[in-house]
Amino acid sequence: MLRTDLWAAAFVRRHNNIGHICVVSRKGDPIAGQIFIEIDHLNGTVSLLTPAPATARQDGDADRLFVRRFDHVEPLAVRERIEREADFDPDFWVLSLEMRGDDPGVTMARS
């Protein structure tokens, strides 16, 4: 699996190169930290992608697999979830992305 800091840097660069604003808003463990992706849809709502549980993984899945934990909700709900995660696991990362669409270009777990 690719180191977290390298994966995060590539994700941020890719989105900034295509005209989205993307920043690392929280740095965690550079080697094995979990990644949360907070998407501001620029309409007053945000979504939160979190790592998929191990039970969602199937053979052939990408190294990093995500699930949509929140979908177009009030920003406070996502902030509270991130704060709860910080109490549980201080080594996670948060990548903050501003984009109008719903496809951040990551692999999502199959339903």
PDB file of N, CA and C in Angstrom:
ATOM      1  N   MET A   1       0.853  -1.179   0.000  1.00  0.00           N
ATOM      2  CA  MET A   1       0.000   0.000   0.000  1.00  0.00           C
ATOM      3  C   MET A   1       0.899   1.242   0.000  1.00  0.00           C
ATOM      4  N   LEU A   2       0.490   2.225  -0.763  1.00  0.00           N
ATOM      5  CA  LEU A   2       1.220   3.479  -0.853  1.00  0.00           C
ATOM      6  C   LEU A   2       1.142   4.232   0.475  1.00  0.00           C
ATOM      7  N   ARG A   3       2.241   4.818   0.874  1.00  0.00           N
ATOM      8  CA  ARG A   3       2.268   5.610   2.113  1.00  0.00           C
ATOM      9  C   ARG A   3       1.165   6.666   2.074  1.00  0.00           C
ATOM     10  N   THR A   4       0.604   6.959   3.222  1.00  0.00           N
ATOM     11  CA  THR A   4      -0.487   7.924   3.311  1.00  0.00           C
ATOM     12  C   THR A   4      -0.064   9.317   2.865  1.00  0.00           C
ATOM     13  N   ASP A   5       1.115   9.769   3.282  1.00  0.00           N
ATOM     14  CA  ASP A   5       1.520  11.124   2.909  1.00  0.00           C
ATOM     15  C   ASP A   5       1.686  11.269   1.399  1.00  0.00           C
ATOM     16  N   LEU A   6       2.177  10.237   0.733  1.00  0.00           N
ATOM     17  CA  LEU A   6       2.330  10.283  -0.718  1.00  0.00           C
ATOM     18  C   LEU A   6       0.976  10.244  -1.420  1.00  0.00           C
ATOM     19  N   TRP A   7       0.073   9.393  -0.941  1.00  0.00           N
ATOM     20  CA  TRP A   7      -1.263   9.302  -1.528  1.00  0.00           C
ATOM     21  C   TRP A   7      -1.988  10.640  -1.370  1.00  0.00           C
ATOM     22  N   ALA A   8      -1.904  11.225  -0.178  1.00  0.00           N
ATOM     23  CA  ALA A   8      -2.569  12.509   0.083  1.00  0.00           C
ATOM     24  C   ALA A   8      -1.999  13.609  -0.805  1.00  0.00           C
ATOM     25  N   ALA A   9      -0.682  13.656  -0.945  1.00  0.00           N
ATOM     26  CA  ALA A   9      -0.059  14.678  -1.781  1.00  0.00           C
ATOM     27  C   ALA A   9      -0.505  14.547  -3.233  1.00  0.00           C
ATOM     28  N   ALA A  10      -0.583  13.323  -3.730  1.00  0.00           N
ATOM     29  CA  ALA A  10      -1.027  13.105  -5.110  1.00  0.00           C
ATOM     30  C   ALA A  10      -2.491  13.504  -5.292  1.00  0.00           C
ATOM     31  N   PHE A  11      -3.332  13.185  -4.317  1.00  0.00           N
ATOM     32  CA  PHE A  11      -4.756  13.541  -4.385  1.00  0.00           C
ATOM     33  C   PHE A  11      -4.921  15.061  -4.423  1.00  0.00           C
ATOM     34  N   VAL A  12      -4.228  15.752  -3.522  1.00  0.00           N
ATOM     35  CA  VAL A  12      -4.316  17.220  -3.458  1.00  0.00           C
ATOM     36  C   VAL A  12      -3.817  17.827  -4.769  1.00  0.00           C
ATOM     37  N   ARG A  13      -2.679  17.381  -5.244  1.00  0.00           N
ATOM     38  CA  ARG A  13      -2.116  17.930  -6.478  1.00  0.00           C
ATOM     39  C   ARG A  13      -3.059  17.703  -7.658  1.00  0.00           C
ATOM     40  N   ARG A  14      -3.592  16.489  -7.775  1.00  0.00           N
ATOM     41  CA  ARG A  14      -4.496  16.177  -8.891  1.00  0.00           C
ATOM     42  C   ARG A  14      -5.699  17.113  -8.909  1.00  0.00           C
ATOM     43  N   HIS A  15      -6.302  17.333  -7.747  1.00  0.00           N
ATOM     44  CA  HIS A  15      -7.492  18.193  -7.705  1.00  0.00           C
ATOM     45  C   HIS A  15      -7.145  19.656  -7.942  1.00  0.00           C
ATOM     46  N   ASN A  16      -6.059  20.114  -7.394  1.00  0.00           N
ATOM     47  CA  ASN A  16      -5.660  21.498  -7.640  1.00  0.00           C
ATOM     48  C   ASN A  16      -5.313  21.710  -9.116  1.00  0.00           C
ATOM     49  N   ASN A  17      -4.744  20.705  -9.762  1.00  0.00           N
ATOM     50  CA  ASN A  17      -4.414  20.815 -11.180  1.00  0.00           C
ATOM     51  C   ASN A  17      -5.650  20.903 -12.071  1.00  0.00           C
ATOM     52  N   ILE A  18      -6.776  20.337 -11.623  1.00  0.00           N
ATOM     53  CA  ILE A  18      -7.986  20.403 -12.447  1.00  0.00           C
ATOM     54  C   ILE A  18      -8.919  21.532 -12.015  1.00  0.00           C
ATOM     55  N   GLY A  19      -8.434  22.407 -11.158  1.00  0.00           N
ATOM     56  CA  GLY A  19      -9.190  23.606 -10.818  1.00  0.00           C
ATOM     57  C   GLY A  19     -10.019  23.546  -9.557  1.00  0.00           C
ATOM     58  N   HIS A  20      -9.947  22.446  -8.833  1.00  0.00           N
ATOM     59  CA  HIS A  20     -10.621  22.376  -7.533  1.00  0.00           C
ATOM     60  C   HIS A  20      -9.660  22.917  -6.482  1.00  0.00           C
ATOM     61  N   ILE A  21     -10.199  23.367  -5.382  1.00  0.00           N
ATOM     62  CA  ILE A  21      -9.353  23.750  -4.258  1.00  0.00           C
ATOM     63  C   ILE A  21      -9.304  22.559  -3.317  1.00  0.00           C
ATOM     64  N   CYS A  22      -8.107  22.089  -3.021  1.00  0.00           N
ATOM     65  CA  CYS A  22      -7.936  20.934  -2.156  1.00  0.00           C
ATOM     66  C   CYS A  22      -6.719  21.174  -1.267  1.00  0.00           C
ATOM     67  N   VAL A  23      -6.893  20.946   0.028  1.00  0.00           N
ATOM     68  CA  VAL A  23      -5.814  21.128   0.989  1.00  0.00           C
ATOM     69  C   VAL A  23      -5.825  19.983   2.005  1.00  0.00           C
ATOM     70  N   VAL A  24      -4.683  19.806   2.632  1.00  0.00           N
ATOM     71  CA  VAL A  24      -4.606  18.891   3.774  1.00  0.00           C
ATOM     72  C   VAL A  24      -4.989  19.709   4.994  1.00  0.00           C
ATOM     73  N   SER A  25      -6.148  19.422   5.587  1.00  0.00           N
ATOM     74  CA  SER A  25      -6.553  20.190   6.766  1.00  0.00           C
ATOM     75  C   SER A  25      -6.147  19.530   8.075  1.00  0.00           C
ATOM     76  N   ARG A  26      -5.730  18.279   7.989  1.00  0.00           N
ATOM     77  CA  ARG A  26      -5.234  17.596   9.185  1.00  0.00           C
ATOM     78  C   ARG A  26      -4.242  16.535   8.737  1.00  0.00           C
ATOM     79  N   LYS A  27      -3.050  16.588   9.302  1.00  0.00           N
ATOM     80  CA  LYS A  27      -2.035  15.580   9.007  1.00  0.00           C
ATOM     81  C   LYS A  27      -2.022  14.544  10.117  1.00  0.00           C
ATOM     82  N   GLY A  28      -1.911  13.301   9.687  1.00  0.00           N
ATOM     83  CA  GLY A  28      -1.819  12.211  10.644  1.00  0.00           C
ATOM     84  C   GLY A  28      -0.543  11.443  10.436  1.00  0.00           C
ATOM     85  N   ASP A  29      -0.590  10.164  10.718  1.00  0.00           N
ATOM     86  CA  ASP A  29       0.570   9.303  10.552  1.00  0.00           C
ATOM     87  C   ASP A  29       0.955   9.261   9.074  1.00  0.00           C
ATOM     88  N   PRO A  30       2.216   9.574   8.745  1.00  0.00           N
ATOM     89  CA  PRO A  30       2.607   9.655   7.339  1.00  0.00           C
ATOM     90  C   PRO A  30       2.660   8.309   6.617  1.00  0.00           C
ATOM     91  N   ILE A  31       2.742   7.237   7.360  1.00  0.00           N
ATOM     92  CA  ILE A  31       2.888   5.930   6.725  1.00  0.00           C
ATOM     93  C   ILE A  31       1.560   5.187   6.621  1.00  0.00           C
ATOM     94  N   ALA A  32       0.810   5.135   7.714  1.00  0.00           N
ATOM     95  CA  ALA A  32      -0.386   4.292   7.718  1.00  0.00           C
ATOM     96  C   ALA A  32      -1.628   4.991   8.253  1.00  0.00           C
ATOM     97  N   GLY A  33      -1.671   6.314   8.245  1.00  0.00           N
ATOM     98  CA  GLY A  33      -2.854   7.017   8.740  1.00  0.00           C
ATOM     99  C   GLY A  33      -4.058   6.815   7.833  1.00  0.00           C
ATOM    100  N   GLN A  34      -5.231   6.754   8.433  1.00  0.00           N
ATOM    101  CA  GLN A  34      -6.480   6.679   7.664  1.00  0.00           C
ATOM    102  C   GLN A  34      -6.740   8.036   7.017  1.00  0.00           C
ATOM    103  N   ILE A  35      -7.444   8.045   5.897  1.00  0.00           N
ATOM    104  CA  ILE A  35      -7.747   9.293   5.199  1.00  0.00           C
ATOM    105  C   ILE A  35      -9.247   9.513   5.161  1.00  0.00           C
ATOM    106  N   PHE A  36      -9.666  10.706   5.601  1.00  0.00           N
ATOM    107  CA  PHE A  36     -11.044  11.165   5.464  1.00  0.00           C
ATOM    108  C   PHE A  36     -11.032  12.268   4.415  1.00  0.00           C
ATOM    109  N   ILE A  37     -12.025  12.287   3.543  1.00  0.00           N
ATOM    110  CA  ILE A  37     -12.125  13.324   2.524  1.00  0.00           C
ATOM    111  C   ILE A  37     -13.417  14.101   2.767  1.00  0.00           C
ATOM    112  N   GLU A  38     -13.248  15.379   3.076  1.00  0.00           N
ATOM    113  CA  GLU A  38     -14.382  16.276   3.327  1.00  0.00           C
ATOM    114  C   GLU A  38     -14.616  17.075   2.038  1.00  0.00           C
ATOM    115  N   ILE A  39     -15.818  16.952   1.480  1.00  0.00           N
ATOM    116  CA  ILE A  39     -16.130  17.631   0.226  1.00  0.00           C
ATOM    117  C   ILE A  39     -17.132  18.744   0.480  1.00  0.00           C
ATOM    118  N   ASP A  40     -16.708  19.976   0.217  1.00  0.00           N
ATOM    119  CA  ASP A  40     -17.601  21.131   0.283  1.00  0.00           C
ATOM    120  C   ASP A  40     -18.173  21.298  -1.118  1.00  0.00           C
ATOM    121  N   HIS A  41     -19.497  21.153  -1.244  1.00  0.00           N
ATOM    122  CA  HIS A  41     -20.147  21.202  -2.551  1.00  0.00           C
ATOM    123  C   HIS A  41     -20.444  22.628  -3.013  1.00  0.00           C
ATOM    124  N   LEU A  42     -20.016  23.612  -2.233  1.00  0.00           N
ATOM    125  CA  LEU A  42     -20.164  25.030  -2.589  1.00  0.00           C
ATOM    126  C   LEU A  42     -21.621  25.459  -2.707  1.00  0.00           C
ATOM    127  N   ASN A  43     -22.489  24.754  -1.983  1.00  0.00           N
ATOM    128  CA  ASN A  43     -23.908  25.112  -1.944  1.00  0.00           C
ATOM    129  C   ASN A  43     -24.461  25.055  -0.520  1.00  0.00           C
ATOM    130  N   GLY A  44     -23.560  25.080   0.465  1.00  0.00           N
ATOM    131  CA  GLY A  44     -23.978  25.010   1.863  1.00  0.00           C
ATOM    132  C   GLY A  44     -24.004  23.607   2.426  1.00  0.00           C
ATOM    133  N   THR A  45     -23.694  22.604   1.607  1.00  0.00           N
ATOM    134  CA  THR A  45     -23.679  21.227   2.094  1.00  0.00           C
ATOM    135  C   THR A  45     -22.288  20.629   1.914  1.00  0.00           C
ATOM    136  N   VAL A  46     -22.020  19.604   2.720  1.00  0.00           N
ATOM    137  CA  VAL A  46     -20.750  18.885   2.626  1.00  0.00           C
ATOM    138  C   VAL A  46     -21.022  17.386   2.663  1.00  0.00           C
ATOM    139  N   SER A  47     -20.064  16.638   2.156  1.00  0.00           N
ATOM    140  CA  SER A  47     -20.098  15.180   2.228  1.00  0.00           C
ATOM    141  C   SER A  47     -18.803  14.727   2.889  1.00  0.00           C
ATOM    142  N   LEU A  48     -18.812  13.529   3.435  1.00  0.00           N
ATOM    143  CA  LEU A  48     -17.615  12.985   4.075  1.00  0.00           C
ATOM    144  C   LEU A  48     -17.410  11.560   3.597  1.00  0.00           C
ATOM    145  N   LEU A  49     -16.229  11.326   3.037  1.00  0.00           N
ATOM    146  CA  LEU A  49     -15.829   9.981   2.650  1.00  0.00           C
ATOM    147  C   LEU A  49     -14.857   9.478   3.704  1.00  0.00           C
ATOM    148  N   THR A  50     -15.066   8.245   4.149  1.00  0.00           N
ATOM    149  CA  THR A  50     -14.200   7.639   5.158  1.00  0.00           C
ATOM    150  C   THR A  50     -13.709   6.288   4.628  1.00  0.00           C
ATOM    151  N   PRO A  51     -12.667   5.748   5.232  1.00  0.00           N
ATOM    152  CA  PRO A  51     -12.190   4.438   4.781  1.00  0.00           C
ATOM    153  C   PRO A  51     -13.288   3.387   4.920  1.00  0.00           C
ATOM    154  N   ALA A  52     -13.391   2.534   3.920  1.00  0.00           N
ATOM    155  CA  ALA A  52     -14.362   1.443   3.970  1.00  0.00           C
ATOM    156  C   ALA A  52     -13.917   0.411   5.007  1.00  0.00           C
ATOM    157  N   PRO A  53     -14.875  -0.219   5.679  1.00  0.00           N
ATOM    158  CA  PRO A  53     -14.501  -1.269   6.629  1.00  0.00           C
ATOM    159  C   PRO A  53     -13.893  -2.459   5.899  1.00  0.00           C
ATOM    160  N   ALA A  54     -13.095  -3.212   6.602  1.00  0.00           N
ATOM    161  CA  ALA A  54     -12.427  -4.373   6.007  1.00  0.00           C
ATOM    162  C   ALA A  54     -13.433  -5.354   5.411  1.00  0.00           C
ATOM    163  N   THR A  55     -14.614  -5.435   5.977  1.00  0.00           N
ATOM    164  CA  THR A  55     -15.625  -6.372   5.475  1.00  0.00           C
ATOM    165  C   THR A  55     -16.152  -5.966   4.096  1.00  0.00           C
ATOM    166  N   ALA A  56     -15.928  -4.718   3.700  1.00  0.00           N
ATOM    167  CA  ALA A  56     -16.388  -4.249   2.388  1.00  0.00           C
ATOM    168  C   ALA A  56     -15.379  -4.547   1.282  1.00  0.00           C
ATOM    169  N   ARG A  57     -14.180  -4.952   1.664  1.00  0.00           N
ATOM    170  CA  ARG A  57     -13.120  -5.199   0.668  1.00  0.00           C
ATOM    171  C   ARG A  57     -13.364  -6.517  -0.053  1.00  0.00           C
ATOM    172  N   GLN A  58     -13.070  -6.494  -1.346  1.00  0.00           N
ATOM    173  CA  GLN A  58     -13.151  -7.696  -2.168  1.00  0.00           C
ATOM    174  C   GLN A  58     -11.842  -7.840  -2.928  1.00  0.00           C
ATOM    175  N   ASP A  59     -11.566  -9.036  -3.399  1.00  0.00           N
ATOM    176  CA  ASP A  59     -10.349  -9.259  -4.188  1.00  0.00           C
ATOM    177  C   ASP A  59     -10.331  -8.306  -5.369  1.00  0.00           C
ATOM    178  N   GLY A  60      -9.181  -7.705  -5.613  1.00  0.00           N
ATOM    179  CA  GLY A  60      -9.036  -6.805  -6.744  1.00  0.00           C
ATOM    180  C   GLY A  60      -9.370  -5.357  -6.438  1.00  0.00           C
ATOM    181  N   ASP A  61      -9.818  -5.044  -5.211  1.00  0.00           N
ATOM    182  CA  ASP A  61     -10.125  -3.658  -4.859  1.00  0.00           C
ATOM    183  C   ASP A  61      -8.845  -2.829  -4.798  1.00  0.00           C
ATOM    184  N   ALA A  62      -8.993  -1.529  -4.982  1.00  0.00           N
ATOM    185  CA  ALA A  62      -7.869  -0.605  -4.908  1.00  0.00           C
ATOM    186  C   ALA A  62      -7.285  -0.601  -3.493  1.00  0.00           C
ATOM    187  N   ASP A  63      -6.055  -0.066  -3.374  1.00  0.00           N
ATOM    188  CA  ASP A  63      -5.413   0.013  -2.062  1.00  0.00           C
ATOM    189  C   ASP A  63      -6.274   0.767  -1.064  1.00  0.00           C
ATOM    190  N   ARG A  64      -6.818   1.884  -1.494  1.00  0.00           N
ATOM    191  CA  ARG A  64      -7.656   2.705  -0.608  1.00  0.00           C
ATOM    192  C   ARG A  64      -9.078   2.670  -1.129  1.00  0.00           C
ATOM    193  N   LEU A  65      -9.979   2.287  -0.261  1.00  0.00           N
ATOM    194  CA  LEU A  65     -11.382   2.107  -0.595  1.00  0.00           C
ATOM    195  C   LEU A  65     -12.196   2.965   0.360  1.00  0.00           C
ATOM    196  N   PHE A  66     -13.163   3.715  -0.158  1.00  0.00           N
ATOM    197  CA  PHE A  66     -13.926   4.659   0.656  1.00  0.00           C
ATOM    198  C   PHE A  66     -15.416   4.349   0.643  1.00  0.00           C
ATOM    199  N   VAL A  67     -16.096   4.859   1.681  1.00  0.00           N
ATOM    200  CA  VAL A  67     -17.555   4.858   1.739  1.00  0.00           C
ATOM    201  C   VAL A  67     -18.009   6.289   2.001  1.00  0.00           C
ATOM    202  N   ARG A  68     -19.201   6.602   1.546  1.00  0.00           N
ATOM    203  CA  ARG A  68     -19.767   7.938   1.760  1.00  0.00           C
ATOM    204  C   ARG A  68     -20.498   7.905   3.101  1.00  0.00           C
ATOM    205  N   ARG A  69     -19.865   8.474   4.130  1.00  0.00           N
ATOM    206  CA  ARG A  69     -20.431   8.456   5.479  1.00  0.00           C
ATOM    207  C   ARG A  69     -21.560   9.490   5.604  1.00  0.00           C
ATOM    208  N   PHE A  70     -21.340  10.660   5.031  1.00  0.00           N
ATOM    209  CA  PHE A  70     -22.360  11.715   4.997  1.00  0.00           C
ATOM    210  C   PHE A  70     -22.470  12.197   3.562  1.00  0.00           C
ATOM    211  N   ASP A  71     -23.685  12.506   3.129  1.00  0.00           N
ATOM    212  CA  ASP A  71     -23.911  12.925   1.746  1.00  0.00           C
ATOM    213  C   ASP A  71     -24.745  14.197   1.720  1.00  0.00           C
ATOM    214  N   HIS A  72     -24.131  15.306   1.353  1.00  0.00           N
ATOM    215  CA  HIS A  72     -24.806  16.613   1.234  1.00  0.00           C
ATOM    216  C   HIS A  72     -25.558  16.967   2.520  1.00  0.00           C
ATOM    217  N   VAL A  73     -24.819  17.081   3.618  1.00  0.00           N
ATOM    218  CA  VAL A  73     -25.407  17.422   4.919  1.00  0.00           C
ATOM    219  C   VAL A  73     -24.884  18.778   5.377  1.00  0.00           C
ATOM    220  N   GLU A  74     -25.421  19.242   6.486  1.00  0.00           N
ATOM    221  CA  GLU A  74     -24.941  20.484   7.091  1.00  0.00           C
ATOM    222  C   GLU A  74     -23.491  20.301   7.537  1.00  0.00           C
ATOM    223  N   PRO A  75     -22.657  21.313   7.374  1.00  0.00           N
ATOM    224  CA  PRO A  75     -21.236  21.198   7.744  1.00  0.00           C
ATOM    225  C   PRO A  75     -20.996  20.782   9.194  1.00  0.00           C
ATOM    226  N   LEU A  76     -21.873  21.175  10.104  1.00  0.00           N
ATOM    227  CA  LEU A  76     -21.687  20.843  11.518  1.00  0.00           C
ATOM    228  C   LEU A  76     -21.653  19.328  11.746  1.00  0.00           C
ATOM    229  N   ALA A  77     -22.474  18.580  11.034  1.00  0.00           N
ATOM    230  CA  ALA A  77     -22.506  17.124  11.207  1.00  0.00           C
ATOM    231  C   ALA A  77     -21.151  16.506  10.862  1.00  0.00           C
ATOM    232  N   VAL A  78     -20.530  16.990   9.814  1.00  0.00           N
ATOM    233  CA  VAL A  78     -19.226  16.466   9.409  1.00  0.00           C
ATOM    234  C   VAL A  78     -18.147  16.898  10.394  1.00  0.00           C
ATOM    235  N   ARG A  79     -18.179  18.154  10.830  1.00  0.00           N
ATOM    236  CA  ARG A  79     -17.186  18.622  11.809  1.00  0.00           C
ATOM    237  C   ARG A  79     -17.261  17.804  13.090  1.00  0.00           C
ATOM    238  N   GLU A  80     -18.477  17.519  13.559  1.00  0.00           N
ATOM    239  CA  GLU A  80     -18.632  16.726  14.778  1.00  0.00           C
ATOM    240  C   GLU A  80     -18.089  15.312  14.596  1.00  0.00           C
ATOM    241  N   ARG A  81     -18.317  14.725  13.438  1.00  0.00           N
ATOM    242  CA  ARG A  81     -17.815  13.372  13.179  1.00  0.00           C
ATOM    243  C   ARG A  81     -16.282  13.360  13.162  1.00  0.00           C
ATOM    244  N   ILE A  82     -15.683  14.374  12.566  1.00  0.00           N
ATOM    245  CA  ILE A  82     -14.224  14.471  12.530  1.00  0.00           C
ATOM    246  C   ILE A  82     -13.666  14.664  13.933  1.00  0.00           C
ATOM    247  N   GLU A  83     -14.325  15.466  14.747  1.00  0.00           N
ATOM    248  CA  GLU A  83     -13.880  15.661  16.137  1.00  0.00           C
ATOM    249  C   GLU A  83     -13.959  14.358  16.924  1.00  0.00           C
ATOM    250  N   ARG A  84     -15.021  13.580  16.735  1.00  0.00           N
ATOM    251  CA  ARG A  84     -15.141  12.287  17.425  1.00  0.00           C
ATOM    252  C   ARG A  84     -14.026  11.343  16.989  1.00  0.00           C
ATOM    253  N   GLU A  85     -13.703  11.376  15.708  1.00  0.00           N
ATOM    254  CA  GLU A  85     -12.621  10.515  15.218  1.00  0.00           C
ATOM    255  C   GLU A  85     -11.289  10.907  15.841  1.00  0.00           C
ATOM    256  N   ALA A  86     -11.062  12.213  16.012  1.00  0.00           N
ATOM    257  CA  ALA A  86      -9.807  12.688  16.609  1.00  0.00           C
ATOM    258  C   ALA A  86      -9.659  12.186  18.038  1.00  0.00           C
ATOM    259  N   ASP A  87     -10.763  12.060  18.764  1.00  0.00           N
ATOM    260  CA  ASP A  87     -10.713  11.524  20.122  1.00  0.00           C
ATOM    261  C   ASP A  87     -10.335  10.043  20.109  1.00  0.00           C
ATOM    262  N   PHE A  88     -10.758   9.339  19.065  1.00  0.00           N
ATOM    263  CA  PHE A  88     -10.547   7.903  18.962  1.00  0.00           C
ATOM    264  C   PHE A  88      -9.191   7.563  18.334  1.00  0.00           C
ATOM    265  N   ASP A  89      -8.837   8.259  17.243  1.00  0.00           N
ATOM    266  CA  ASP A  89      -7.625   7.944  16.474  1.00  0.00           C
ATOM    267  C   ASP A  89      -6.961   9.246  16.022  1.00  0.00           C
ATOM    268  N   PRO A  90      -5.984   9.727  16.753  1.00  0.00           N
ATOM    269  CA  PRO A  90      -5.358  11.006  16.404  1.00  0.00           C
ATOM    270  C   PRO A  90      -4.460  10.947  15.167  1.00  0.00           C
ATOM    271  N   ASP A  91      -4.242   9.764  14.598  1.00  0.00           N
ATOM    272  CA  ASP A  91      -3.315   9.613  13.479  1.00  0.00           C
ATOM    273  C   ASP A  91      -3.970   9.706  12.104  1.00  0.00           C
ATOM    274  N   PHE A  92      -5.241  10.089  12.012  1.00  0.00           N
ATOM    275  CA  PHE A  92      -5.915  10.136  10.717  1.00  0.00           C
ATOM    276  C   PHE A  92      -5.684  11.481  10.022  1.00  0.00           C
ATOM    277  N   TRP A  93      -5.904  11.491   8.724  1.00  0.00           N
ATOM    278  CA  TRP A  93      -5.750  12.674   7.881  1.00  0.00           C
ATOM    279  C   TRP A  93      -7.125  13.166   7.444  1.00  0.00           C
ATOM    280  N   VAL A  94      -7.237  14.471   7.180  1.00  0.00           N
ATOM    281  CA  VAL A  94      -8.432  15.031   6.553  1.00  0.00           C
ATOM    282  C   VAL A  94      -7.985  15.840   5.345  1.00  0.00           C
ATOM    283  N   LEU A  95      -8.520  15.480   4.193  1.00  0.00           N
ATOM    284  CA  LEU A  95      -8.291  16.227   2.968  1.00  0.00           C
ATOM    285  C   LEU A  95      -9.573  16.993   2.677  1.00  0.00           C
ATOM    286  N   SER A  96      -9.475  18.303   2.563  1.00  0.00           N
ATOM    287  CA  SER A  96     -10.646  19.148   2.324  1.00  0.00           C
ATOM    288  C   SER A  96     -10.660  19.569   0.862  1.00  0.00           C
ATOM    289  N   LEU A  97     -11.775  19.279   0.210  1.00  0.00           N
ATOM    290  CA  LEU A  97     -11.910  19.479  -1.222  1.00  0.00           C
ATOM    291  C   LEU A  97     -13.146  20.321  -1.501  1.00  0.00           C
ATOM    292  N   GLU A  98     -12.997  21.325  -2.347  1.00  0.00           N
ATOM    293  CA  GLU A  98     -14.144  22.120  -2.798  1.00  0.00           C
ATOM    294  C   GLU A  98     -14.432  21.750  -4.238  1.00  0.00           C
ATOM    295  N   MET A  99     -15.646  21.235  -4.469  1.00  0.00           N
ATOM    296  CA  MET A  99     -16.057  20.883  -5.830  1.00  0.00           C
ATOM    297  C   MET A  99     -17.574  20.786  -5.892  1.00  0.00           C
ATOM    298  N   ARG A 100     -18.134  21.120  -7.007  1.00  0.00           N
ATOM    299  CA  ARG A 100     -19.589  21.075  -7.164  1.00  0.00           C
ATOM    300  C   ARG A 100     -20.103  19.664  -7.424  1.00  0.00           C
ATOM    301  N   GLY A 101     -19.334  18.816  -8.018  1.00  0.00           N
ATOM    302  CA  GLY A 101     -19.779  17.469  -8.352  1.00  0.00           C
ATOM    303  C   GLY A 101     -19.711  16.510  -7.178  1.00  0.00           C
ATOM    304  N   ASP A 102     -19.985  15.245  -7.482  1.00  0.00           N
ATOM    305  CA  ASP A 102     -19.993  14.213  -6.442  1.00  0.00           C
ATOM    306  C   ASP A 102     -18.907  13.168  -6.617  1.00  0.00           C
ATOM    307  N   ASP A 103     -18.072  13.296  -7.646  1.00  0.00           N
ATOM    308  CA  ASP A 103     -17.068  12.275  -7.916  1.00  0.00           C
ATOM    309  C   ASP A 103     -15.665  12.810  -7.644  1.00  0.00           C
ATOM    310  N   PRO A 104     -15.126  12.504  -6.464  1.00  0.00           N
ATOM    311  CA  PRO A 104     -13.778  12.985  -6.150  1.00  0.00           C
ATOM    312  C   PRO A 104     -12.673  12.139  -6.783  1.00  0.00           C
ATOM    313  N   GLY A 105     -13.047  11.106  -7.521  1.00  0.00           N
ATOM    314  CA  GLY A 105     -12.043  10.312  -8.204  1.00  0.00           C
ATOM    315  C   GLY A 105     -11.348   9.282  -7.338  1.00  0.00           C
ATOM    316  N   VAL A 106     -12.048   8.756  -6.341  1.00  0.00           N
ATOM    317  CA  VAL A 106     -11.503   7.693  -5.509  1.00  0.00           C
ATOM    318  C   VAL A 106     -12.364   6.441  -5.696  1.00  0.00           C
ATOM    319  N   THR A 107     -11.842   5.314  -5.287  1.00  0.00           N
ATOM    320  CA  THR A 107     -12.589   4.054  -5.408  1.00  0.00           C
ATOM    321  C   THR A 107     -13.542   3.924  -4.226  1.00  0.00           C
ATOM    322  N   MET A 108     -14.807   3.724  -4.561  1.00  0.00           N
ATOM    323  CA  MET A 108     -15.836   3.574  -3.536  1.00  0.00           C
ATOM    324  C   MET A 108     -16.152   2.083  -3.356  1.00  0.00           C
ATOM    325  N   ALA A 109     -16.466   1.699  -2.119  1.00  0.00           N
ATOM    326  CA  ALA A 109     -16.843   0.317  -1.836  1.00  0.00           C
ATOM    327  C   ALA A 109     -18.156  -0.005  -2.559  1.00  0.00           C
ATOM    328  N   ARG A 110     -18.255  -1.218  -3.019  1.00  0.00           N
ATOM    329  CA  ARG A 110     -19.489  -1.649  -3.679  1.00  0.00           C
ATOM    330  C   ARG A 110     -20.572  -1.845  -2.644  1.00  0.00           C
ATOM    331  N   SER A 111     -21.787  -1.481  -3.004  1.00  0.00           N
ATOM    332  CA  SER A 111     -22.921  -1.623  -2.068  1.00  0.00           C
ATOM    333  C   SER A 111     -23.421  -3.036  -2.012  1.00  0.00           C
TER     334      SER A 111
END
